[in-house]
C-alpha atoms as a PDB file:
ATOM      1  CA  MET A   1    -298.523   8.819  78.145  1.00  0.00           C
ATOM      2  CA  ARG A   2    -297.274  11.602  80.207  1.00  0.00           C
ATOM      3  CA  GLN A   3    -294.186  13.220  79.095  1.00  0.00           C
ATOM      4  CA  LYS A   4    -291.296  13.098  81.565  1.00  0.00           C
ATOM      5  CA  PRO A   5    -290.625  16.471  83.193  1.00  0.00           C
ATOM      6  CA  ILE A   6    -287.845  18.252  81.864  1.00  0.00           C
ATOM      7  CA  VAL A   7    -284.927  18.707  84.178  1.00  0.00           C
ATOM      8  CA  LEU A   8    -283.460  22.317  84.141  1.00  0.00           C
ATOM      9  CA  LEU A   9    -279.839  22.634  84.191  1.00  0.00           C
ATOM     10  CA  GLY A  10    -279.229  23.551  87.769  1.00  0.00           C
ATOM     11  CA  ALA A  11    -282.880  23.083  88.387  1.00  0.00           C
ATOM     12  CA  VAL A  12    -282.925  23.601  92.123  1.00  0.00           C
ATOM     13  CA  THR A  13    -282.130  27.057  93.450  1.00  0.00           C
ATOM     14  CA  ALA A  14    -282.231  27.385  97.384  1.00  0.00           C
ATOM     15  CA  PHE A  15    -283.388  30.623  98.907  1.00  0.00           C
ATOM     16  CA  LEU A  16    -282.456  30.934 102.553  1.00  0.00           C
ATOM     17  CA  LEU A  17    -284.207  33.121 105.272  1.00  0.00           C
ATOM     18  CA  SER A  18    -281.921  33.868 108.145  1.00  0.00           C
ATOM     19  CA  CYS A  19    -282.811  33.582 111.670  1.00  0.00           C
ATOM     20  CA  ALA A  20    -281.606  34.452 114.996  1.00  0.00           C
ATOM     21  CA  SER A  21    -281.375  30.765 115.922  1.00  0.00           C
ATOM     22  CA  ALA A  22    -282.831  27.527 114.586  1.00  0.00           C
ATOM     23  CA  PRO A  23    -285.489  25.451 116.170  1.00  0.00           C
ATOM     24  CA  GLU A  24    -285.186  21.695 117.174  1.00  0.00           C
ATOM     25  CA  VAL A  25    -286.926  20.704 114.144  1.00  0.00           C
ATOM     26  CA  GLN A  26    -284.977  21.170 110.899  1.00  0.00           C
ATOM     27  CA  ASP A  27    -285.421  20.329 107.414  1.00  0.00           C
ATOM     28  CA  ASP A  28    -283.098  17.432 105.808  1.00  0.00           C
ATOM     29  CA  GLN A  29    -281.714  19.395 102.843  1.00  0.00           C
ATOM     30  CA  PRO A  30    -278.185  20.500 102.654  1.00  0.00           C
ATOM     31  CA  ARG A  31    -277.873  24.273 103.144  1.00  0.00           C
ATOM     32  CA  PRO A  32    -276.389  26.390 100.371  1.00  0.00           C
ATOM     33  CA  LYS A  33    -272.762  26.923 100.195  1.00  0.00           C
ATOM     34  CA  ARG A  34    -272.745  30.361  99.707  1.00  0.00           C
ATOM     35  CA  ALA A  35    -275.231  33.246 100.141  1.00  0.00           C
ATOM     36  CA  LYS A  36    -275.587  36.973  99.519  1.00  0.00           C
ATOM     37  CA  ARG A  37    -277.785  39.513 101.164  1.00  0.00           C
ATOM     38  CA  ILE A  38    -280.843  40.690  99.495  1.00  0.00           C
ATOM     39  CA  GLY A  39    -282.716  42.823 101.983  1.00  0.00           C
ATOM     40  CA  ARG A  40    -283.388  43.517 105.620  1.00  0.00           C
ATOM     41  CA  GLY A  41    -283.644  40.138 107.341  1.00  0.00           C
ATOM     42  CA  GLY A  42    -283.393  37.900 104.200  1.00  0.00           C
ATOM     43  CA  TRP A  43    -280.718  35.986 102.486  1.00  0.00           C
ATOM     44  CA  ALA A  44    -280.799  34.659  98.885  1.00  0.00           C
ATOM     45  CA  SER A  45    -278.591  31.643  97.890  1.00  0.00           C
ATOM     46  CA  GLY A  46    -276.543  32.107  94.640  1.00  0.00           C
ATOM     47  CA  GLN A  47    -275.983  28.152  94.814  1.00  0.00           C
ATOM     48  CA  VAL A  48    -277.587  26.096  92.028  1.00  0.00           C
ATOM     49  CA  GLN A  49    -277.446  22.410  92.099  1.00  0.00           C
ATOM     50  CA  GLY A  50    -277.486  20.603  88.805  1.00  0.00           C
ATOM     51  CA  ASP A  51    -278.683  17.145  87.886  1.00  0.00           C
ATOM     52  CA  GLU A  52    -276.368  15.487  85.657  1.00  0.00           C
ATOM     53  CA  GLY A  53    -278.567  12.270  85.523  1.00  0.00           C
ATOM     54  CA  GLY A  54    -281.293  14.367  83.928  1.00  0.00           C
ATOM     55  CA  MET A  55    -279.454  15.807  81.098  1.00  0.00           C
ATOM     56  CA  GLY A  56    -280.982  13.464  78.544  1.00  0.00           C
ATOM     57  CA  MET A  57    -283.965  16.003  77.771  1.00  0.00           C
ATOM     58  CA  GLU A  58    -286.780  14.934  75.540  1.00  0.00           C
ATOM     59  CA  MET A  59    -286.781  17.036  72.220  1.00  0.00           C
ATOM     60  CA  SER A  60    -290.516  17.651  72.686  1.00  0.00           C
ATOM     61  CA  MET A  61    -289.571  19.839  75.760  1.00  0.00           C
ATOM     62  CA  GLY A  62    -288.202  23.229  75.845  1.00  0.00           C
ATOM     63  CA  VAL A  63    -284.916  24.071  77.576  1.00  0.00           C
ATOM     64  CA  LEU A  64    -284.107  26.976  79.909  1.00  0.00           C
ATOM     65  CA  ASP A  65    -280.492  27.674  81.134  1.00  0.00           C
ATOM     66  CA  GLU A  66    -279.806  28.138  84.893  1.00  0.00           C
ATOM     67  CA  ARG A  67    -278.325  31.767  84.333  1.00  0.00           C
ATOM     68  CA  ALA A  68    -281.290  32.870  82.407  1.00  0.00           C
ATOM     69  CA  VAL A  69    -283.556  31.650  85.260  1.00  0.00           C
ATOM     70  CA  ASP A  70    -281.476  33.366  87.852  1.00  0.00           C
ATOM     71  CA  ARG A  71    -281.789  36.635  85.963  1.00  0.00           C
ATOM     72  CA  ALA A  72    -285.453  36.334  85.611  1.00  0.00           C
ATOM     73  CA  ILE A  73    -285.820  35.649  89.338  1.00  0.00           C
ATOM     74  CA  LYS A  74    -283.394  37.823  90.746  1.00  0.00           C
ATOM     75  CA  PRO A  75    -285.832  41.003  90.662  1.00  0.00           C
ATOM     76  CA  HIS A  76    -288.548  39.168  92.455  1.00  0.00           C
ATOM     77  CA  GLU A  77    -286.136  38.090  95.400  1.00  0.00           C
ATOM     78  CA  ARG A  78    -287.395  40.855  97.883  1.00  0.00           C
ATOM     79  CA  ALA A  79    -291.011  39.914  97.075  1.00  0.00           C
ATOM     80  CA  LEU A  80    -290.265  36.306  97.581  1.00  0.00           C
ATOM     81  CA  SER A  81    -288.443  37.107 100.974  1.00  0.00           C
ATOM     82  CA  ASN A  82    -291.258  39.359 102.247  1.00  0.00           C
ATOM     83  CA  CYS A  83    -293.741  36.468 102.040  1.00  0.00           C
ATOM     84  CA  PHE A  84    -292.367  34.912 105.056  1.00  0.00           C
ATOM     85  CA  ALA A  85    -293.831  38.095 107.013  1.00  0.00           C
ATOM     86  CA  LEU A  86    -297.228  37.019 106.346  1.00  0.00           C
ATOM     87  CA  ALA A  87    -296.634  34.006 108.913  1.00  0.00           C
ATOM     88  CA  GLY A  88    -296.779  36.682 111.910  1.00  0.00           C
ATOM     89  CA  ASP A  89    -296.290  35.246 115.158  1.00  0.00           C
ATOM     90  CA  ALA A  90    -295.753  31.719 113.672  1.00  0.00           C
ATOM     91  CA  ARG A  91    -292.303  32.793 112.651  1.00  0.00           C
ATOM     92  CA  LYS A  92    -291.282  31.997 116.059  1.00  0.00           C
ATOM     93  CA  TYR A  93    -291.497  28.391 115.178  1.00  0.00           C
ATOM     94  CA  LEU A  94    -291.970  27.908 111.561  1.00  0.00           C
ATOM     95  CA  SER A  95    -288.840  26.305 109.745  1.00  0.00           C
ATOM     96  CA  GLY A  96    -288.628  24.004 106.694  1.00  0.00           C
ATOM     97  CA  GLN A  97    -288.125  23.937 103.035  1.00  0.00           C
ATOM     98  CA  VAL A  98    -290.882  24.249 100.242  1.00  0.00           C
ATOM     99  CA  VAL A  99    -290.429  23.206  96.751  1.00  0.00           C
ATOM    100  CA  MET A 100    -292.243  24.675  93.925  1.00  0.00           C
ATOM    101  CA  ARG A 101    -292.766  23.508  90.367  1.00  0.00           C
ATOM    102  CA  PHE A 102    -292.687  26.078  87.920  1.00  0.00           C
ATOM    103  CA  VAL A 103    -294.483  25.407  84.544  1.00  0.00           C
ATOM    104  CA  VAL A 104    -293.385  27.685  81.835  1.00  0.00           C
ATOM    105  CA  THR A 105    -294.973  28.260  78.294  1.00  0.00           C
ATOM    106  CA  GLY A 106    -293.139  28.356  75.081  1.00  0.00           C
ATOM    107  CA  SER A 107    -293.088  32.235  75.246  1.00  0.00           C
ATOM    108  CA  GLY A 108    -291.782  32.283  78.756  1.00  0.00           C
ATOM    109  CA  GLU A 109    -294.687  33.091  80.928  1.00  0.00           C
ATOM    110  CA  VAL A 110    -295.571  31.131  83.835  1.00  0.00           C
ATOM    111  CA  SER A 111    -298.809  29.204  83.556  1.00  0.00           C
ATOM    112  CA  ASP A 112    -298.759  27.413  86.876  1.00  0.00           C
ATOM    113  CA  VAL A 113    -296.789  27.305  90.145  1.00  0.00           C
ATOM    114  CA  GLN A 114    -297.363  24.210  92.406  1.00  0.00           C
ATOM    115  CA  MET A 115    -296.246  23.657  96.024  1.00  0.00           C
ATOM    116  CA  ILE A 116    -295.293  20.037  95.426  1.00  0.00           C
ATOM    117  CA  ARG A 117    -293.222  19.435  98.624  1.00  0.00           C
ATOM    118  CA  ASN A 118    -293.656  21.346 101.792  1.00  0.00           C
ATOM    119  CA  GLY A 119    -291.734  21.315 104.820  1.00  0.00           C
ATOM    120  CA  LEU A 120    -293.060  24.894 106.240  1.00  0.00           C
ATOM    121  CA  GLY A 121    -296.681  24.815 106.863  1.00  0.00           C
ATOM    122  CA  ASN A 122    -298.219  28.027 106.393  1.00  0.00           C
ATOM    123  CA  TYR A 123    -300.694  28.703 103.868  1.00  0.00           C
ATOM    124  CA  SER A 124    -300.498  32.464 103.691  1.00  0.00           C
ATOM    125  CA  VAL A 125    -296.720  32.069 103.023  1.00  0.00           C
ATOM    126  CA  GLU A 126    -297.203  29.421 100.533  1.00  0.00           C
ATOM    127  CA  SER A 127    -299.846  31.393  98.382  1.00  0.00           C
ATOM    128  CA  CYS A 128    -297.985  34.547  98.402  1.00  0.00           C
ATOM    129  CA  LEU A 129    -294.845  32.570  97.059  1.00  0.00           C
ATOM    130  CA  VAL A 130    -297.056  30.997  94.351  1.00  0.00           C
ATOM    131  CA  ALA A 131    -298.441  34.508  93.425  1.00  0.00           C
ATOM    132  CA  VAL A 132    -295.182  36.168  93.282  1.00  0.00           C
ATOM    133  CA  GLY A 133    -293.928  33.210  91.230  1.00  0.00           C
ATOM    134  CA  LYS A 134    -296.687  33.584  88.699  1.00  0.00           C
ATOM    135  CA  ARG A 135    -295.822  36.997  87.959  1.00  0.00           C
ATOM    136  CA  ILE A 136    -292.103  36.076  86.776  1.00  0.00           C
ATOM    137  CA  VAL A 137    -291.455  36.150  83.041  1.00  0.00           C
ATOM    138  CA  PHE A 138    -288.765  33.798  81.964  1.00  0.00           C
ATOM    139  CA  PRO A 139    -286.996  33.896  78.500  1.00  0.00           C
ATOM    140  CA  ALA A 140    -288.714  31.659  75.818  1.00  0.00           C
ATOM    141  CA  PRO A 141    -287.302  28.371  76.250  1.00  0.00           C
ATOM    142  CA  GLU A 142    -285.087  26.994  73.349  1.00  0.00           C
ATOM    143  CA  GLY A 143    -287.477  25.648  70.791  1.00  0.00           C
ATOM    144  CA  ARG A 144    -290.034  27.743  72.100  1.00  0.00           C
ATOM    145  CA  ARG A 145    -291.532  24.740  73.777  1.00  0.00           C
ATOM    146  CA  GLY A 146    -293.099  24.615  77.281  1.00  0.00           C
ATOM    147  CA  THR A 147    -291.206  23.093  80.070  1.00  0.00           C
ATOM    148  CA  ASP A 148    -290.861  23.014  83.862  1.00  0.00           C
ATOM    149  CA  PHE A 149    -288.616  22.995  86.587  1.00  0.00           C
ATOM    150  CA  GLU A 150    -288.304  23.021  90.460  1.00  0.00           C
ATOM    151  CA  TYR A 151    -287.281  25.752  92.594  1.00  0.00           C
ATOM    152  CA  SER A 152    -286.689  25.273  96.522  1.00  0.00           C
ATOM    153  CA  MET A 153    -286.578  27.596  99.384  1.00  0.00           C
ATOM    154  CA  SER A 154    -285.547  27.116 103.005  1.00  0.00           C
ATOM    155  CA  PHE A 155    -287.123  28.964 105.970  1.00  0.00           C
ATOM    156  CA  HIS A 156    -285.756  29.249 109.194  1.00  0.00           C
ATOM    157  CA  SER A 157    -287.707  30.460 112.311  1.00  0.00           C
ATOM    158  CA  THR A 158    -286.379  33.005 115.095  1.00  0.00           C
ATOM    159  CA  GLY A 159    -286.104  29.868 117.380  1.00  0.00           C
ATOM    160  CA  GLU A 160    -288.261  31.499 120.296  1.00  0.00           C
ATOM    161  CA  ARG A 161    -290.301  28.247 120.412  1.00  0.00           C
ATOM    162  CA  SER A 162    -289.046  24.733 120.183  1.00  0.00           C
ATOM    163  CA  VAL A 163    -290.788  22.333 117.964  1.00  0.00           C
ATOM    164  CA  ILE A 164    -291.288  18.470 118.388  1.00  0.00           C
ATOM    165  CA  PRO A 165    -293.040  16.104 116.072  1.00  0.00           C
ATOM    166  CA  TRP A 166    -296.290  14.772 116.793  1.00  0.00           C
ATOM    167  CA  SER A 167    -298.310  11.785 115.785  1.00  0.00           C
ATOM    168  CA  ALA A 168    -300.599  12.026 112.887  1.00  0.00           C
ATOM    169  CA  GLY A 169    -302.716   9.276 114.403  1.00  0.00           C
ATOM    170  CA  GLU A 170    -303.323  11.472 117.555  1.00  0.00           C
ATOM    171  CA  MET A 171    -304.710  14.191 115.423  1.00  0.00           C
ATOM    172  CA  ALA A 172    -307.129  11.872 113.375  1.00  0.00           C
ATOM    173  CA  ARG A 173    -309.842  12.111 116.110  1.00  0.00           C
ATOM    174  CA  TYR A 174    -309.804  15.914 115.989  1.00  0.00           C
ATOM    175  CA  LEU A 175    -310.141  15.879 112.283  1.00  0.00           C
ATOM    176  CA  HIS A 176    -313.278  13.720 112.283  1.00  0.00           C
ATOM    177  CA  GLU A 177    -314.997  16.288 114.237  1.00  0.00           C
ATOM    178  CA  ILE A 178    -314.691  19.014 111.401  1.00  0.00           C
ATOM    179  CA  SER A 179    -314.851  16.361 108.532  1.00  0.00           C
ATOM    180  CA  SER A 180    -318.592  17.162 107.283  1.00  0.00           C
ATOM    181  CA  ASP A 181    -317.534  21.144 107.338  1.00  0.00           C
ATOM    182  CA  LEU A 182    -314.370  20.347 105.347  1.00  0.00           C
ATOM    183  CA  ALA A 183    -316.509  18.352 102.694  1.00  0.00           C
ATOM    184  CA  ASN A 184    -318.574  21.524 102.205  1.00  0.00           C
ATOM    185  CA  CYS A 185    -315.330  23.548 101.528  1.00  0.00           C
ATOM    186  CA  GLY A 186    -315.308  21.977  98.165  1.00  0.00           C
ATOM    187  CA  ASN A 187    -312.491  19.850  96.254  1.00  0.00           C
ATOM    188  CA  LEU A 188    -309.165  21.485  97.508  1.00  0.00           C
ATOM    189  CA  CYS A 189    -307.301  19.676  94.522  1.00  0.00           C
ATOM    190  CA  ALA A 190    -307.807  17.090  91.814  1.00  0.00           C
ATOM    191  CA  GLY A 191    -304.845  14.953  93.415  1.00  0.00           C
ATOM    192  CA  ASP A 192    -303.487  14.096  96.766  1.00  0.00           C
ATOM    193  CA  VAL A 193    -303.271  16.878  99.527  1.00  0.00           C
ATOM    194  CA  ASP A 194    -301.031  16.632 102.637  1.00  0.00           C
ATOM    195  CA  VAL A 195    -301.337  19.051 105.690  1.00  0.00           C
ATOM    196  CA  ILE A 196    -298.684  20.409 107.813  1.00  0.00           C
ATOM    197  CA  ALA A 197    -300.050  21.814 111.226  1.00  0.00           C
ATOM    198  CA  TYR A 198    -298.638  23.245 114.192  1.00  0.00           C
ATOM    199  CA  ILE A 199    -300.204  23.060 117.624  1.00  0.00           C
ATOM    200  CA  GLU A 200    -299.150  25.657 119.908  1.00  0.00           C
ATOM    201  CA  PRO A 201    -299.067  25.680 123.785  1.00  0.00           C
ATOM    202  CA  GLY A 202    -302.816  25.677 124.797  1.00  0.00           C
ATOM    203  CA  GLY A 203    -303.784  23.387 122.123  1.00  0.00           C
ATOM    204  CA  VAL A 204    -304.360  26.062 119.325  1.00  0.00           C
ATOM    205  CA  VAL A 205    -303.813  25.200 115.766  1.00  0.00           C
ATOM    206  CA  GLY A 206    -301.320  28.082 114.973  1.00  0.00           C
ATOM    207  CA  SER A 207    -300.300  27.428 111.413  1.00  0.00           C
ATOM    208  CA  VAL A 208    -301.582  25.206 108.515  1.00  0.00           C
ATOM    209  CA  GLY A 209    -300.002  24.627 105.091  1.00  0.00           C
ATOM    210  CA  PHE A 210    -300.659  22.303 102.052  1.00  0.00           C
ATOM    211  CA  ALA A 211    -298.377  20.221  99.710  1.00  0.00           C
ATOM    212  CA  SER A 212    -299.963  18.807  96.636  1.00  0.00           C
ATOM    213  CA  GLN A 213    -298.666  17.751  93.051  1.00  0.00           C
ATOM    214  CA  GLY A 214    -301.624  19.796  91.464  1.00  0.00           C
ATOM    215  CA  SER A 215    -302.884  23.236  91.867  1.00  0.00           C
ATOM    216  CA  LEU A 216    -305.053  24.219  94.690  1.00  0.00           C
ATOM    217  CA  ASP A 217    -308.532  25.743  94.615  1.00  0.00           C
ATOM    218  CA  THR A 218    -307.896  28.967  96.672  1.00  0.00           C
ATOM    219  CA  MET A 219    -311.213  29.429  98.154  1.00  0.00           C
ATOM    220  CA  ALA A 220    -311.518  25.733  99.295  1.00  0.00           C
ATOM    221  CA  ALA A 221    -307.888  26.191 100.791  1.00  0.00           C
ATOM    222  CA  VAL A 222    -308.956  29.167 102.769  1.00  0.00           C
ATOM    223  CA  CYS A 223    -311.919  27.401 104.004  1.00  0.00           C
ATOM    224  CA  ALA A 224    -309.936  24.271 105.155  1.00  0.00           C
ATOM    225  CA  VAL A 225    -307.245  26.478 106.930  1.00  0.00           C
ATOM    226  CA  ALA A 226    -310.199  28.280 108.861  1.00  0.00           C
ATOM    227  CA  LEU A 227    -311.676  24.961 109.857  1.00  0.00           C
ATOM    228  CA  LEU A 228    -308.344  23.403 110.899  1.00  0.00           C
ATOM    229  CA  ARG A 229    -307.563  26.179 112.963  1.00  0.00           C
ATOM    230  CA  GLN A 230    -310.618  25.937 114.914  1.00  0.00           C
ATOM    231  CA  ILE A 231    -309.558  22.591 116.349  1.00  0.00           C
ATOM    232  CA  ARG A 232    -308.429  22.574 119.954  1.00  0.00           C
ATOM    233  CA  VAL A 233    -305.987  19.650 121.079  1.00  0.00           C
ATOM    234  CA  SER A 234    -306.447  19.791 124.801  1.00  0.00           C
ATOM    235  CA  GLU A 235    -304.563  16.508 125.697  1.00  0.00           C
ATOM    236  CA  ALA A 236    -301.490  17.553 123.586  1.00  0.00           C
ATOM    237  CA  ALA A 237    -301.411  21.016 125.195  1.00  0.00           C
ATOM    238  CA  ALA A 238    -301.413  19.553 128.636  1.00  0.00           C
ATOM    239  CA  ALA A 239    -298.511  17.405 128.099  1.00  0.00           C
ATOM    240  CA  HIS A 240    -296.534  19.670 126.250  1.00  0.00           C
ATOM    241  CA  SER A 241    -297.107  23.169 127.427  1.00  0.00           C
ATOM    242  CA  SER A 242    -293.795  24.826 126.549  1.00  0.00           C
ATOM    243  CA  VAL A 243    -293.469  23.522 123.064  1.00  0.00           C
ATOM    244  CA  VAL A 244    -295.121  23.606 119.420  1.00  0.00           C
ATOM    245  CA  LEU A 245    -296.172  20.229 117.987  1.00  0.00           C
ATOM    246  CA  ARG A 246    -295.514  19.645 114.316  1.00  0.00           C
ATOM    247  CA  THR A 247    -297.657  17.157 112.498  1.00  0.00           C
ATOM    248  CA  THR A 248    -298.118  15.946 108.773  1.00  0.00           C
ATOM    249  CA  PHE A 249    -300.981  14.042 107.606  1.00  0.00           C
ATOM    250  CA  PRO A 250    -303.100  13.344 104.247  1.00  0.00           C
ATOM    251  CA  LEU A 251    -306.141  15.366 104.094  1.00  0.00           C
ATOM    252  CA  ALA A 252    -307.881  12.115 103.417  1.00  0.00           C
ATOM    253  CA  MET A 253    -307.554  11.168 106.927  1.00  0.00           C
ATOM    254  CA  ALA A 254    -310.214  13.697 108.057  1.00  0.00           C
ATOM    255  CA  PHE A 255    -312.631  11.484 105.812  1.00  0.00           C
ATOM    256  CA  GLU A 256    -311.775   7.997 106.780  1.00  0.00           C
ATOM    257  CA  ARG A 257    -314.448   6.199 108.661  1.00  0.00           C
ATOM    258  CA  PRO A 258    -315.127   2.647 109.733  1.00  0.00           C
ATOM    259  CA  VAL A 259    -316.257   0.370 106.879  1.00  0.00           C
ATOM    260  CA  SER A 260    -319.639   0.378 108.533  1.00  0.00           C
ATOM    261  CA  GLU A 261    -320.121   3.995 107.721  1.00  0.00           C
ATOM    262  CA  PRO A 262    -320.980   5.536 104.381  1.00  0.00           C
ATOM    263  CA  SER A 263    -318.073   6.935 102.374  1.00  0.00           C
ATOM    264  CA  ARG A 264    -317.811  10.646 101.513  1.00  0.00           C
ATOM    265  CA  LYS A 265    -317.283  12.364  98.262  1.00  0.00           C
ATOM    266  CA  PRO A 266    -313.366  12.641  97.449  1.00  0.00           C
ATOM    267  CA  TYR A 267    -311.951  15.678  98.521  1.00  0.00           C
ATOM    268  CA  GLY A 268    -308.715  16.081  96.763  1.00  0.00           C
ATOM    269  CA  ARG A 269    -307.449  13.039  98.672  1.00  0.00           C
ATOM    270  CA  ARG A 270    -305.852   9.509  98.534  1.00  0.00           C
ATOM    271  CA  SER A 271    -307.852   6.732  97.980  1.00  0.00           C
ATOM    272  CA  ARG A 272    -309.049   5.058 101.043  1.00  0.00           C
ATOM    273  CA  ARG A 273    -307.344   1.903 101.782  1.00  0.00           C
ATOM    274  CA  ARG A 274    -309.406  -1.411 101.738  1.00  0.00           C
END
């Protein structure tokens, strides 16, 4: 039976990138109560939220103190902040929170970083955050046993483009057009994969990101992003010529077919409903 993940004392640290103004779509998470400047255009929160209900820790898992975690992450704050620049022009509308799971070995090295929740939607930024995260070295957990914890960051756009939600069902028929090519990209992940996509005025998919409970295959993810960005959503562009549409859907949707049609090989997706 899988061990219950350790809950780090003060497991969630918020990392806030400032903006000129906020778009219409905002994440539901409460903003940090205090913040400190870490560099041009970036803010890092010193607020750490603990989980008292998770203090019953299994002895087979290691323990990391929140202050030790903060000290280890601090030298990498600027690099984490700079990841947002990789979004390019999409920073005009990108906004949301990402939650990464750090898997730490008994010696304090990071063995894996997973983007388990994603409200942002830009793979270039997300993969940069994961890469920076893997370079961080933490103190050895107490007992020198491996552990894991979650680390959250909130990003806010410049507010130059308004964002409104768009139905995943409306996106489905466009996904079917590229399903064969997506299958050829290979398995993105052993588990379920959710996609966050933004459709810019003109029907162009301007930004794509992924969320998964497991690690993503880099080559497959790059391939999938390229294909998803080839989609042109003409009807949506005609109806919403001045705003950006945001949609979230399981990648499995691209492979869902009528019962009469043959099923495809799984592609890091949820099982099809019967």
